[in-house]
Amino acid sequence: MAEELQVGEPAPAEQASEDPGAALIAAGRERGHVTGEQIAAAVEEQGAATREIARNVQHAAAGTAEVSRNIAGVKDAAAETGNSATEVLSAAGELSHQAEALRREVDTFLHSVRAA
């Protein structure tokens, strides 16, 4: 008959994968004894798992630092783009004023040519 589990309660296989040392000790208890060698093996496995977790944390921290640098670069590029857009807008406004002045000059010239 299958064992019923509550929602959120880890299954036996999950429990073993979460703590391999505890799984070895539990296996020894099921047989009625736990040896010093089993405890030493469990401690070694626990140490290896802890070292692996520490390496993963260091790797994640390095990745986070790189993402932060990339975000800072994007922020700087966006600010530079904004400054360039402001300069282009200013130049376009100046060009528009110059075009309007040229149009007035041409109109004045053509008006004087027609009058002559």
PDB file of N, CA and C in Angstrom:
ATOM      1  N   MET A   1       0.844  -1.185   0.000  1.00  0.00           N
ATOM      2  CA  MET A   1       0.000   0.000   0.000  1.00  0.00           C
ATOM      3  C   MET A   1       0.883   1.240   0.000  1.00  0.00           C
ATOM      4  N   ALA A   2       0.566   2.215  -0.825  1.00  0.00           N
ATOM      5  CA  ALA A   2       1.384   3.425  -0.971  1.00  0.00           C
ATOM      6  C   ALA A   2       1.246   4.293   0.275  1.00  0.00           C
ATOM      7  N   GLU A   3       2.359   4.911   0.635  1.00  0.00           N
ATOM      8  CA  GLU A   3       2.371   5.810   1.787  1.00  0.00           C
ATOM      9  C   GLU A   3       1.821   7.163   1.361  1.00  0.00           C
ATOM     10  N   GLU A   4       0.911   7.749   2.147  1.00  0.00           N
ATOM     11  CA  GLU A   4       0.340   9.034   1.803  1.00  0.00           C
ATOM     12  C   GLU A   4       1.226  10.137   2.365  1.00  0.00           C
ATOM     13  N   LEU A   5       1.435  11.175   1.541  1.00  0.00           N
ATOM     14  CA  LEU A   5       2.241  12.322   1.954  1.00  0.00           C
ATOM     15  C   LEU A   5       1.356  13.552   2.011  1.00  0.00           C
ATOM     16  N   GLN A   6       1.650  14.429   2.932  1.00  0.00           N
ATOM     17  CA  GLN A   6       0.943  15.696   3.029  1.00  0.00           C
ATOM     18  C   GLN A   6       1.543  16.660   2.010  1.00  0.00           C
ATOM     19  N   VAL A   7       0.740  17.630   1.564  1.00  0.00           N
ATOM     20  CA  VAL A   7       1.237  18.643   0.636  1.00  0.00           C
ATOM     21  C   VAL A   7       2.379  19.385   1.314  1.00  0.00           C
ATOM     22  N   GLY A   8       3.489  19.556   0.592  1.00  0.00           N
ATOM     23  CA  GLY A   8       4.646  20.252   1.135  1.00  0.00           C
ATOM     24  C   GLY A   8       5.601  19.360   1.890  1.00  0.00           C
ATOM     25  N   GLU A   9       5.197  18.125   2.164  1.00  0.00           N
ATOM     26  CA  GLU A   9       6.061  17.192   2.885  1.00  0.00           C
ATOM     27  C   GLU A   9       6.959  16.487   1.886  1.00  0.00           C
ATOM     28  N   PRO A  10       8.291  16.526   2.083  1.00  0.00           N
ATOM     29  CA  PRO A  10       9.173  15.894   1.100  1.00  0.00           C
ATOM     30  C   PRO A  10       8.998  14.379   1.069  1.00  0.00           C
ATOM     31  N   ALA A  11       9.075  13.829  -0.113  1.00  0.00           N
ATOM     32  CA  ALA A  11       9.024  12.377  -0.271  1.00  0.00           C
ATOM     33  C   ALA A  11      10.339  11.800   0.220  1.00  0.00           C
ATOM     34  N   PRO A  12      10.391  10.519   0.566  1.00  0.00           N
ATOM     35  CA  PRO A  12      11.634   9.921   1.062  1.00  0.00           C
ATOM     36  C   PRO A  12      12.812  10.139   0.116  1.00  0.00           C
ATOM     37  N   ALA A  13      12.608  10.033  -1.186  1.00  0.00           N
ATOM     38  CA  ALA A  13      13.709  10.249  -2.137  1.00  0.00           C
ATOM     39  C   ALA A  13      14.190  11.691  -2.070  1.00  0.00           C
ATOM     40  N   GLU A  14      13.265  12.642  -1.899  1.00  0.00           N
ATOM     41  CA  GLU A  14      13.657  14.043  -1.777  1.00  0.00           C
ATOM     42  C   GLU A  14      14.449  14.265  -0.500  1.00  0.00           C
ATOM     43  N   GLN A  15      14.033  13.632   0.574  1.00  0.00           N
ATOM     44  CA  GLN A  15      14.744  13.771   1.829  1.00  0.00           C
ATOM     45  C   GLN A  15      16.170  13.268   1.682  1.00  0.00           C
ATOM     46  N   ALA A  16      16.350  12.168   0.994  1.00  0.00           N
ATOM     47  CA  ALA A  16      17.682  11.607   0.814  1.00  0.00           C
ATOM     48  C   ALA A  16      18.533  12.528  -0.032  1.00  0.00           C
ATOM     49  N   SER A  17      17.956  13.140  -1.083  1.00  0.00           N
ATOM     50  CA  SER A  17      18.745  14.019  -1.948  1.00  0.00           C
ATOM     51  C   SER A  17      19.075  15.326  -1.244  1.00  0.00           C
ATOM     52  N   GLU A  18      18.249  15.737  -0.285  1.00  0.00           N
ATOM     53  CA  GLU A  18      18.528  16.960   0.443  1.00  0.00           C
ATOM     54  C   GLU A  18      19.663  16.770   1.433  1.00  0.00           C
ATOM     55  N   ASP A  19      19.809  15.591   2.003  1.00  0.00           N
ATOM     56  CA  ASP A  19      20.832  15.342   3.017  1.00  0.00           C
ATOM     57  C   ASP A  19      21.359  13.921   2.852  1.00  0.00           C
ATOM     58  N   PRO A  20      22.385  13.747   1.995  1.00  0.00           N
ATOM     59  CA  PRO A  20      22.879  12.391   1.751  1.00  0.00           C
ATOM     60  C   PRO A  20      23.449  11.731   3.002  1.00  0.00           C
ATOM     61  N   GLY A  21      24.050  12.518   3.876  1.00  0.00           N
ATOM     62  CA  GLY A  21      24.582  11.940   5.111  1.00  0.00           C
ATOM     63  C   GLY A  21      23.490  11.370   5.980  1.00  0.00           C
ATOM     64  N   ALA A  22      22.385  12.097   6.074  1.00  0.00           N
ATOM     65  CA  ALA A  22      21.258  11.622   6.870  1.00  0.00           C
ATOM     66  C   ALA A  22      20.675  10.352   6.253  1.00  0.00           C
ATOM     67  N   ALA A  23      20.704  10.280   4.916  1.00  0.00           N
ATOM     68  CA  ALA A  23      20.179   9.092   4.249  1.00  0.00           C
ATOM     69  C   ALA A  23      21.014   7.861   4.604  1.00  0.00           C
ATOM     70  N   LEU A  24      22.336   8.022   4.668  1.00  0.00           N
ATOM     71  CA  LEU A  24      23.186   6.880   5.052  1.00  0.00           C
ATOM     72  C   LEU A  24      22.905   6.446   6.484  1.00  0.00           C
ATOM     73  N   ILE A  25      22.791   7.408   7.362  1.00  0.00           N
ATOM     74  CA  ILE A  25      22.521   7.085   8.768  1.00  0.00           C
ATOM     75  C   ILE A  25      21.149   6.421   8.893  1.00  0.00           C
ATOM     76  N   ALA A  26      20.152   6.956   8.156  1.00  0.00           N
ATOM     77  CA  ALA A  26      18.812   6.365   8.196  1.00  0.00           C
ATOM     78  C   ALA A  26      18.845   4.931   7.692  1.00  0.00           C
ATOM     79  N   ALA A  27      19.629   4.669   6.640  1.00  0.00           N
ATOM     80  CA  ALA A  27      19.731   3.306   6.119  1.00  0.00           C
ATOM     81  C   ALA A  27      20.350   2.387   7.164  1.00  0.00           C
ATOM     82  N   GLY A  28      21.350   2.873   7.874  1.00  0.00           N
ATOM     83  CA  GLY A  28      21.969   2.072   8.930  1.00  0.00           C
ATOM     84  C   GLY A  28      21.010   1.811  10.066  1.00  0.00           C
ATOM     85  N   ARG A  29      20.222   2.790  10.400  1.00  0.00           N
ATOM     86  CA  ARG A  29      19.247   2.606  11.487  1.00  0.00           C
ATOM     87  C   ARG A  29      18.198   1.576  11.096  1.00  0.00           C
ATOM     88  N   GLU A  30      17.790   1.582   9.825  1.00  0.00           N
ATOM     89  CA  GLU A  30      16.794   0.611   9.375  1.00  0.00           C
ATOM     90  C   GLU A  30      17.308  -0.813   9.553  1.00  0.00           C
ATOM     91  N   ARG A  31      18.598  -1.004   9.409  1.00  0.00           N
ATOM     92  CA  ARG A  31      19.171  -2.339   9.588  1.00  0.00           C
ATOM     93  C   ARG A  31      19.520  -2.592  11.049  1.00  0.00           C
ATOM     94  N   GLY A  32      19.325  -1.587  11.874  1.00  0.00           N
ATOM     95  CA  GLY A  32      19.505  -1.800  13.299  1.00  0.00           C
ATOM     96  C   GLY A  32      20.841  -1.328  13.845  1.00  0.00           C
ATOM     97  N   HIS A  33      21.732  -0.790  13.032  1.00  0.00           N
ATOM     98  CA  HIS A  33      23.003  -0.314  13.561  1.00  0.00           C
ATOM     99  C   HIS A  33      23.605   0.747  12.635  1.00  0.00           C
ATOM    100  N   VAL A  34      24.395   1.612  13.222  1.00  0.00           N
ATOM    101  CA  VAL A  34      25.132   2.636  12.496  1.00  0.00           C
ATOM    102  C   VAL A  34      26.585   2.487  12.904  1.00  0.00           C
ATOM    103  N   THR A  35      27.449   2.335  11.927  1.00  0.00           N
ATOM    104  CA  THR A  35      28.866   2.156  12.248  1.00  0.00           C
ATOM    105  C   THR A  35      29.583   3.491  12.192  1.00  0.00           C
ATOM    106  N   GLY A  36      30.755   3.521  12.783  1.00  0.00           N
ATOM    107  CA  GLY A  36      31.598   4.710  12.737  1.00  0.00           C
ATOM    108  C   GLY A  36      31.969   5.049  11.307  1.00  0.00           C
ATOM    109  N   GLU A  37      32.176   4.024  10.489  1.00  0.00           N
ATOM    110  CA  GLU A  37      32.507   4.250   9.081  1.00  0.00           C
ATOM    111  C   GLU A  37      31.352   4.918   8.353  1.00  0.00           C
ATOM    112  N   GLN A  38      30.123   4.503   8.676  1.00  0.00           N
ATOM    113  CA  GLN A  38      28.960   5.137   8.044  1.00  0.00           C
ATOM    114  C   GLN A  38      28.857   6.600   8.469  1.00  0.00           C
ATOM    115  N   ILE A  39      29.112   6.853   9.739  1.00  0.00           N
ATOM    116  CA  ILE A  39      29.060   8.242  10.218  1.00  0.00           C
ATOM    117  C   ILE A  39      30.145   9.061   9.547  1.00  0.00           C
ATOM    118  N   ALA A  40      31.358   8.507   9.448  1.00  0.00           N
ATOM    119  CA  ALA A  40      32.463   9.221   8.794  1.00  0.00           C
ATOM    120  C   ALA A  40      32.132   9.481   7.329  1.00  0.00           C
ATOM    121  N   ALA A  41      31.537   8.487   6.664  1.00  0.00           N
ATOM    122  CA  ALA A  41      31.154   8.668   5.265  1.00  0.00           C
ATOM    123  C   ALA A  41      30.085   9.741   5.137  1.00  0.00           C
ATOM    124  N   ALA A  42      29.142   9.738   6.073  1.00  0.00           N
ATOM    125  CA  ALA A  42      28.083  10.743   6.050  1.00  0.00           C
ATOM    126  C   ALA A  42      28.662  12.139   6.273  1.00  0.00           C
ATOM    127  N   VAL A  43      29.599  12.253   7.201  1.00  0.00           N
ATOM    128  CA  VAL A  43      30.231  13.540   7.477  1.00  0.00           C
ATOM    129  C   VAL A  43      31.000  14.013   6.242  1.00  0.00           C
ATOM    130  N   GLU A  44      31.727  13.097   5.591  1.00  0.00           N
ATOM    131  CA  GLU A  44      32.482  13.448   4.380  1.00  0.00           C
ATOM    132  C   GLU A  44      31.545  13.902   3.266  1.00  0.00           C
ATOM    133  N   GLU A  45      30.437  13.185   3.088  1.00  0.00           N
ATOM    134  CA  GLU A  45      29.469  13.579   2.064  1.00  0.00           C
ATOM    135  C   GLU A  45      28.878  14.947   2.376  1.00  0.00           C
ATOM    136  N   GLN A  46      28.602  15.159   3.650  1.00  0.00           N
ATOM    137  CA  GLN A  46      28.048  16.450   4.064  1.00  0.00           C
ATOM    138  C   GLN A  46      29.058  17.559   3.778  1.00  0.00           C
ATOM    139  N   GLY A  47      30.332  17.309   4.066  1.00  0.00           N
ATOM    140  CA  GLY A  47      31.383  18.290   3.792  1.00  0.00           C
ATOM    141  C   GLY A  47      31.506  18.569   2.304  1.00  0.00           C
ATOM    142  N   ALA A  48      31.453  17.512   1.490  1.00  0.00           N
ATOM    143  CA  ALA A  48      31.541  17.675   0.039  1.00  0.00           C
ATOM    144  C   ALA A  48      30.351  18.486  -0.476  1.00  0.00           C
ATOM    145  N   ALA A  49      29.172  18.199   0.050  1.00  0.00           N
ATOM    146  CA  ALA A  49      27.979  18.946  -0.361  1.00  0.00           C
ATOM    147  C   ALA A  49      28.105  20.414   0.039  1.00  0.00           C
ATOM    148  N   THR A  50      28.628  20.662   1.229  1.00  0.00           N
ATOM    149  CA  THR A  50      28.812  22.037   1.698  1.00  0.00           C
ATOM    150  C   THR A  50      29.817  22.777   0.820  1.00  0.00           C
ATOM    151  N   ARG A  51      30.917  22.103   0.444  1.00  0.00           N
ATOM    152  CA  ARG A  51      31.909  22.733  -0.442  1.00  0.00           C
ATOM    153  C   ARG A  51      31.298  23.043  -1.807  1.00  0.00           C
ATOM    154  N   GLU A  52      30.487  22.141  -2.313  1.00  0.00           N
ATOM    155  CA  GLU A  52      29.831  22.365  -3.601  1.00  0.00           C
ATOM    156  C   GLU A  52      28.873  23.555  -3.509  1.00  0.00           C
ATOM    157  N   ILE A  53      28.137  23.642  -2.429  1.00  0.00           N
ATOM    158  CA  ILE A  53      27.229  24.777  -2.226  1.00  0.00           C
ATOM    159  C   ILE A  53      28.030  26.073  -2.184  1.00  0.00           C
ATOM    160  N   ALA A  54      29.155  26.072  -1.470  1.00  0.00           N
ATOM    161  CA  ALA A  54      29.993  27.273  -1.378  1.00  0.00           C
ATOM    162  C   ALA A  54      30.508  27.677  -2.765  1.00  0.00           C
ATOM    163  N   ARG A  55      30.945  26.700  -3.577  1.00  0.00           N
ATOM    164  CA  ARG A  55      31.395  27.011  -4.942  1.00  0.00           C
ATOM    165  C   ARG A  55      30.255  27.610  -5.756  1.00  0.00           C
ATOM    166  N   ASN A  56      29.068  27.029  -5.624  1.00  0.00           N
ATOM    167  CA  ASN A  56      27.916  27.544  -6.366  1.00  0.00           C
ATOM    168  C   ASN A  56      27.555  28.957  -5.933  1.00  0.00           C
ATOM    169  N   VAL A  57      27.648  29.227  -4.645  1.00  0.00           N
ATOM    170  CA  VAL A  57      27.357  30.575  -4.134  1.00  0.00           C
ATOM    171  C   VAL A  57      28.379  31.564  -4.681  1.00  0.00           C
ATOM    172  N   GLN A  58      29.661  31.181  -4.702  1.00  0.00           N
ATOM    173  CA  GLN A  58      30.696  32.065  -5.246  1.00  0.00           C
ATOM    174  C   GLN A  58      30.443  32.319  -6.731  1.00  0.00           C
ATOM    175  N   HIS A  59      30.073  31.273  -7.458  1.00  0.00           N
ATOM    176  CA  HIS A  59      29.789  31.420  -8.882  1.00  0.00           C
ATOM    177  C   HIS A  59      28.590  32.353  -9.095  1.00  0.00           C
ATOM    178  N   ALA A  60      27.561  32.188  -8.294  1.00  0.00           N
ATOM    179  CA  ALA A  60      26.377  33.044  -8.402  1.00  0.00           C
ATOM    180  C   ALA A  60      26.732  34.492  -8.063  1.00  0.00           C
ATOM    181  N   ALA A  61      27.573  34.690  -7.057  1.00  0.00           N
ATOM    182  CA  ALA A  61      27.981  36.049  -6.681  1.00  0.00           C
ATOM    183  C   ALA A  61      28.768  36.701  -7.816  1.00  0.00           C
ATOM    184  N   ALA A  62      29.646  35.941  -8.456  1.00  0.00           N
ATOM    185  CA  ALA A  62      30.413  36.477  -9.585  1.00  0.00           C
ATOM    186  C   ALA A  62      29.469  36.841 -10.732  1.00  0.00           C
ATOM    187  N   GLY A  63      28.494  35.987 -10.987  1.00  0.00           N
ATOM    188  CA  GLY A  63      27.512  36.283 -12.033  1.00  0.00           C
ATOM    189  C   GLY A  63      26.698  37.525 -11.709  1.00  0.00           C
ATOM    190  N   THR A  64      26.331  37.676 -10.457  1.00  0.00           N
ATOM    191  CA  THR A  64      25.573  38.853 -10.028  1.00  0.00           C
ATOM    192  C   THR A  64      26.402  40.119 -10.205  1.00  0.00           C
ATOM    193  N   ALA A  65      27.679  40.052  -9.867  1.00  0.00           N
ATOM    194  CA  ALA A  65      28.560  41.210 -10.039  1.00  0.00           C
ATOM    195  C   ALA A  65      28.670  41.583 -11.508  1.00  0.00           C
ATOM    196  N   GLU A  66      28.779  40.582 -12.385  1.00  0.00           N
ATOM    197  CA  GLU A  66      28.866  40.858 -13.822  1.00  0.00           C
ATOM    198  C   GLU A  66      27.578  41.494 -14.324  1.00  0.00           C
ATOM    199  N   VAL A  67      26.443  41.004 -13.871  1.00  0.00           N
ATOM    200  CA  VAL A  67      25.157  41.592 -14.269  1.00  0.00           C
ATOM    201  C   VAL A  67      25.085  43.046 -13.798  1.00  0.00           C
ATOM    202  N   SER A  68      25.557  43.313 -12.594  1.00  0.00           N
ATOM    203  CA  SER A  68      25.547  44.688 -12.078  1.00  0.00           C
ATOM    204  C   SER A  68      26.412  45.594 -12.945  1.00  0.00           C
ATOM    205  N   ARG A  69      27.588  45.095 -13.351  1.00  0.00           N
ATOM    206  CA  ARG A  69      28.455  45.894 -14.239  1.00  0.00           C
ATOM    207  C   ARG A  69      27.759  46.148 -15.575  1.00  0.00           C
ATOM    208  N   ASN A  70      27.104  45.127 -16.103  1.00  0.00           N
ATOM    209  CA  ASN A  70      26.391  45.292 -17.375  1.00  0.00           C
ATOM    210  C   ASN A  70      25.264  46.305 -17.262  1.00  0.00           C
ATOM    211  N   ILE A  71      24.548  46.257 -16.161  1.00  0.00           N
ATOM    212  CA  ILE A  71      23.460  47.221 -15.946  1.00  0.00           C
ATOM    213  C   ILE A  71      24.023  48.635 -15.873  1.00  0.00           C
ATOM    214  N   ALA A  72      25.148  48.811 -15.193  1.00  0.00           N
ATOM    215  CA  ALA A  72      25.774  50.132 -15.113  1.00  0.00           C
ATOM    216  C   ALA A  72      26.179  50.601 -16.509  1.00  0.00           C
ATOM    217  N   GLY A  73      26.701  49.688 -17.329  1.00  0.00           N
ATOM    218  CA  GLY A  73      27.072  50.051 -18.701  1.00  0.00           C
ATOM    219  C   GLY A  73      25.869  50.462 -19.523  1.00  0.00           C
ATOM    220  N   VAL A  74      24.771  49.744 -19.368  1.00  0.00           N
ATOM    221  CA  VAL A  74      23.545  50.092 -20.093  1.00  0.00           C
ATOM    222  C   VAL A  74      23.033  51.457 -19.631  1.00  0.00           C
ATOM    223  N   LYS A  75      23.100  51.712 -18.336  1.00  0.00           N
ATOM    224  CA  LYS A  75      22.665  52.999 -17.790  1.00  0.00           C
ATOM    225  C   LYS A  75      23.490  54.135 -18.378  1.00  0.00           C
ATOM    226  N   ASP A  76      24.809  53.953 -18.437  1.00  0.00           N
ATOM    227  CA  ASP A  76      25.685  54.975 -19.007  1.00  0.00           C
ATOM    228  C   ASP A  76      25.374  55.187 -20.494  1.00  0.00           C
ATOM    229  N   ALA A  77      25.182  54.091 -21.227  1.00  0.00           N
ATOM    230  CA  ALA A  77      24.864  54.201 -22.651  1.00  0.00           C
ATOM    231  C   ALA A  77      23.530  54.912 -22.861  1.00  0.00           C
ATOM    232  N   ALA A  78      22.551  54.636 -22.003  1.00  0.00           N
ATOM    233  CA  ALA A  78      21.250  55.292 -22.116  1.00  0.00           C
ATOM    234  C   ALA A  78      21.383  56.791 -21.850  1.00  0.00           C
ATOM    235  N   ALA A  79      22.194  57.155 -20.871  1.00  0.00           N
ATOM    236  CA  ALA A  79      22.405  58.572 -20.577  1.00  0.00           C
ATOM    237  C   ALA A  79      23.087  59.261 -21.761  1.00  0.00           C
ATOM    238  N   GLU A  80      24.077  58.595 -22.346  1.00  0.00           N
ATOM    239  CA  GLU A  80      24.770  59.152 -23.504  1.00  0.00           C
ATOM    240  C   GLU A  80      23.813  59.304 -24.684  1.00  0.00           C
ATOM    241  N   THR A  81      22.946  58.317 -24.886  1.00  0.00           N
ATOM    242  CA  THR A  81      21.957  58.386 -25.954  1.00  0.00           C
ATOM    243  C   THR A  81      21.002  59.553 -25.722  1.00  0.00           C
ATOM    244  N   GLY A  82      20.595  59.746 -24.488  1.00  0.00           N
ATOM    245  CA  GLY A  82      19.719  60.872 -24.152  1.00  0.00           C
ATOM    246  C   GLY A  82      20.394  62.205 -24.449  1.00  0.00           C
ATOM    247  N   ASN A  83      21.682  62.320 -24.103  1.00  0.00           N
ATOM    248  CA  ASN A  83      22.415  63.555 -24.390  1.00  0.00           C
ATOM    249  C   ASN A  83      22.512  63.793 -25.894  1.00  0.00           C
ATOM    250  N   SER A  84      22.792  62.728 -26.647  1.00  0.00           N
ATOM    251  CA  SER A  84      22.881  62.849 -28.104  1.00  0.00           C
ATOM    252  C   SER A  84      21.534  63.256 -28.694  1.00  0.00           C
ATOM    253  N   ALA A  85      20.460  62.683 -28.185  1.00  0.00           N
ATOM    254  CA  ALA A  85      19.126  63.033 -28.675  1.00  0.00           C
ATOM    255  C   ALA A  85      18.824  64.501 -28.408  1.00  0.00           C
ATOM    256  N   THR A  86      19.240  65.005 -27.263  1.00  0.00           N
ATOM    257  CA  THR A  86      19.032  66.419 -26.941  1.00  0.00           C
ATOM    258  C   THR A  86      19.802  67.311 -27.910  1.00  0.00           C
ATOM    259  N   GLU A  87      21.032  66.927 -28.229  1.00  0.00           N
ATOM    260  CA  GLU A  87      21.835  67.695 -29.182  1.00  0.00           C
ATOM    261  C   GLU A  87      21.202  67.674 -30.575  1.00  0.00           C
ATOM    262  N   VAL A  88      20.707  66.512 -31.009  1.00  0.00           N
ATOM    263  CA  VAL A  88      20.060  66.407 -32.319  1.00  0.00           C
ATOM    264  C   VAL A  88      18.809  67.275 -32.344  1.00  0.00           C
ATOM    265  N   LEU A  89      18.037  67.257 -31.284  1.00  0.00           N
ATOM    266  CA  LEU A  89      16.832  68.077 -31.218  1.00  0.00           C
ATOM    267  C   LEU A  89      17.181  69.558 -31.309  1.00  0.00           C
ATOM    268  N   SER A  90      18.221  69.960 -30.616  1.00  0.00           N
ATOM    269  CA  SER A  90      18.660  71.352 -30.654  1.00  0.00           C
ATOM    270  C   SER A  90      19.110  71.736 -32.057  1.00  0.00           C
ATOM    271  N   ALA A  91      19.903  70.866 -32.702  1.00  0.00           N
ATOM    272  CA  ALA A  91      20.372  71.140 -34.062  1.00  0.00           C
ATOM    273  C   ALA A  91      19.195  71.209 -35.033  1.00  0.00           C
ATOM    274  N   ALA A  92      18.209  70.342 -34.870  1.00  0.00           N
ATOM    275  CA  ALA A  92      17.028  70.346 -35.737  1.00  0.00           C
ATOM    276  C   ALA A  92      16.250  71.650 -35.554  1.00  0.00           C
ATOM    277  N   GLY A  93      16.139  72.116 -34.318  1.00  0.00           N
ATOM    278  CA  GLY A  93      15.454  73.385 -34.062  1.00  0.00           C
ATOM    279  C   GLY A  93      16.186  74.544 -34.715  1.00  0.00           C
ATOM    280  N   GLU A  94      17.516  74.567 -34.601  1.00  0.00           N
ATOM    281  CA  GLU A  94      18.323  75.607 -35.226  1.00  0.00           C
ATOM    282  C   GLU A  94      18.184  75.554 -36.747  1.00  0.00           C
ATOM    283  N   LEU A  95      18.215  74.359 -37.315  1.00  0.00           N
ATOM    284  CA  LEU A  95      18.047  74.199 -38.755  1.00  0.00           C
ATOM    285  C   LEU A  95      16.678  74.701 -39.199  1.00  0.00           C
ATOM    286  N   SER A  96      15.666  74.440 -38.423  1.00  0.00           N
ATOM    287  CA  SER A  96      14.319  74.912 -38.742  1.00  0.00           C
ATOM    288  C   SER A  96      14.281  76.439 -38.768  1.00  0.00           C
ATOM    289  N   HIS A  97      14.943  77.071 -37.800  1.00  0.00           N
ATOM    290  CA  HIS A  97      14.989  78.549 -37.763  1.00  0.00           C
ATOM    291  C   HIS A  97      15.735  79.089 -38.990  1.00  0.00           C
ATOM    292  N   GLN A  98      16.845  78.446 -39.331  1.00  0.00           N
ATOM    293  CA  GLN A  98      17.616  78.880 -40.491  1.00  0.00           C
ATOM    294  C   GLN A  98      16.803  78.701 -41.780  1.00  0.00           C
ATOM    295  N   ALA A  99      16.069  77.605 -41.890  1.00  0.00           N
ATOM    296  CA  ALA A  99      15.241  77.357 -43.072  1.00  0.00           C
ATOM    297  C   ALA A  99      14.152  78.420 -43.183  1.00  0.00           C
ATOM    298  N   GLU A 100      13.559  78.778 -42.062  1.00  0.00           N
ATOM    299  CA  GLU A 100      12.524  79.818 -42.056  1.00  0.00           C
ATOM    300  C   GLU A 100      13.121  81.162 -42.470  1.00  0.00           C
ATOM    301  N   ALA A 101      14.315  81.467 -41.966  1.00  0.00           N
ATOM    302  CA  ALA A 101      14.976  82.723 -42.343  1.00  0.00           C
ATOM    303  C   ALA A 101      15.305  82.714 -43.831  1.00  0.00           C
ATOM    304  N   LEU A 102      15.785  81.605 -44.354  1.00  0.00           N
ATOM    305  CA  LEU A 102      16.095  81.497 -45.777  1.00  0.00           C
ATOM    306  C   LEU A 102      14.826  81.665 -46.618  1.00  0.00           C
ATOM    307  N   ARG A 103      13.730  81.070 -46.186  1.00  0.00           N
ATOM    308  CA  ARG A 103      12.462  81.202 -46.907  1.00  0.00           C
ATOM    309  C   ARG A 103      12.041  82.667 -46.975  1.00  0.00           C
ATOM    310  N   ARG A 104      12.178  83.375 -45.870  1.00  0.00           N
ATOM    311  CA  ARG A 104      11.829  84.799 -45.861  1.00  0.00           C
ATOM    312  C   ARG A 104      12.724  85.582 -46.816  1.00  0.00           C
ATOM    313  N   GLU A 105      14.009  85.275 -46.812  1.00  0.00           N
ATOM    314  CA  GLU A 105      14.949  85.959 -47.711  1.00  0.00           C
ATOM    315  C   GLU A 105      14.587  85.691 -49.175  1.00  0.00           C
ATOM    316  N   VAL A 106      14.279  84.427 -49.491  1.00  0.00           N
ATOM    317  CA  VAL A 106      13.907  84.072 -50.863  1.00  0.00           C
ATOM    318  C   VAL A 106      12.616  84.784 -51.244  1.00  0.00           C
ATOM    319  N   ASP A 107      11.639  84.801 -50.344  1.00  0.00           N
ATOM    320  CA  ASP A 107      10.373  85.502 -50.622  1.00  0.00           C
ATOM    321  C   ASP A 107      10.627  86.985 -50.876  1.00  0.00           C
ATOM    322  N   THR A 108      11.483  87.582 -50.068  1.00  0.00           N
ATOM    323  CA  THR A 108      11.802  89.009 -50.237  1.00  0.00           C
ATOM    324  C   THR A 108      12.486  89.232 -51.585  1.00  0.00           C
ATOM    325  N   PHE A 109      13.453  88.372 -51.918  1.00  0.00           N
ATOM    326  CA  PHE A 109      14.163  88.483 -53.185  1.00  0.00           C
ATOM    327  C   PHE A 109      13.194  88.367 -54.361  1.00  0.00           C
ATOM    328  N   LEU A 110      12.322  87.298 -54.308  1.00  0.00           N
ATOM    329  CA  LEU A 110      11.381  87.101 -55.396  1.00  0.00           C
ATOM    330  C   LEU A 110      10.396  88.265 -55.499  1.00  0.00           C
ATOM    331  N   HIS A 111      10.008  88.810 -54.402  1.00  0.00           N
ATOM    332  CA  HIS A 111       9.085  89.934 -54.395  1.00  0.00           C
ATOM    333  C   HIS A 111       9.754  91.151 -55.060  1.00  0.00           C
ATOM    334  N   SER A 112      11.047  91.373 -54.748  1.00  0.00           N
ATOM    335  CA  SER A 112      11.761  92.500 -55.337  1.00  0.00           C
ATOM    336  C   SER A 112      12.000  92.279 -56.820  1.00  0.00           C
ATOM    337  N   VAL A 113      12.239  91.044 -57.263  1.00  0.00           N
ATOM    338  CA  VAL A 113      12.437  90.739 -58.685  1.00  0.00           C
ATOM    339  C   VAL A 113      11.141  90.994 -59.457  1.00  0.00           C
ATOM    340  N   ARG A 114      10.014  90.584 -58.879  1.00  0.00           N
ATOM    341  CA  ARG A 114       8.717  90.778 -59.537  1.00  0.00           C
ATOM    342  C   ARG A 114       8.361  92.264 -59.644  1.00  0.00           C
ATOM    343  N   ALA A 115       8.733  93.010 -58.614  1.00  0.00           N
ATOM    344  CA  ALA A 115       8.416  94.420 -58.598  1.00  0.00           C
ATOM    345  C   ALA A 115       9.261  95.190 -59.597  1.00  0.00           C
ATOM    346  N   ALA A 116      10.400  94.693 -59.939  1.00  0.00           N
ATOM    347  CA  ALA A 116      11.303  95.422 -60.836  1.00  0.00           C
ATOM    348  C   ALA A 116      10.966  95.262 -62.263  1.00  0.00           C
TER     349      ALA A 116
END
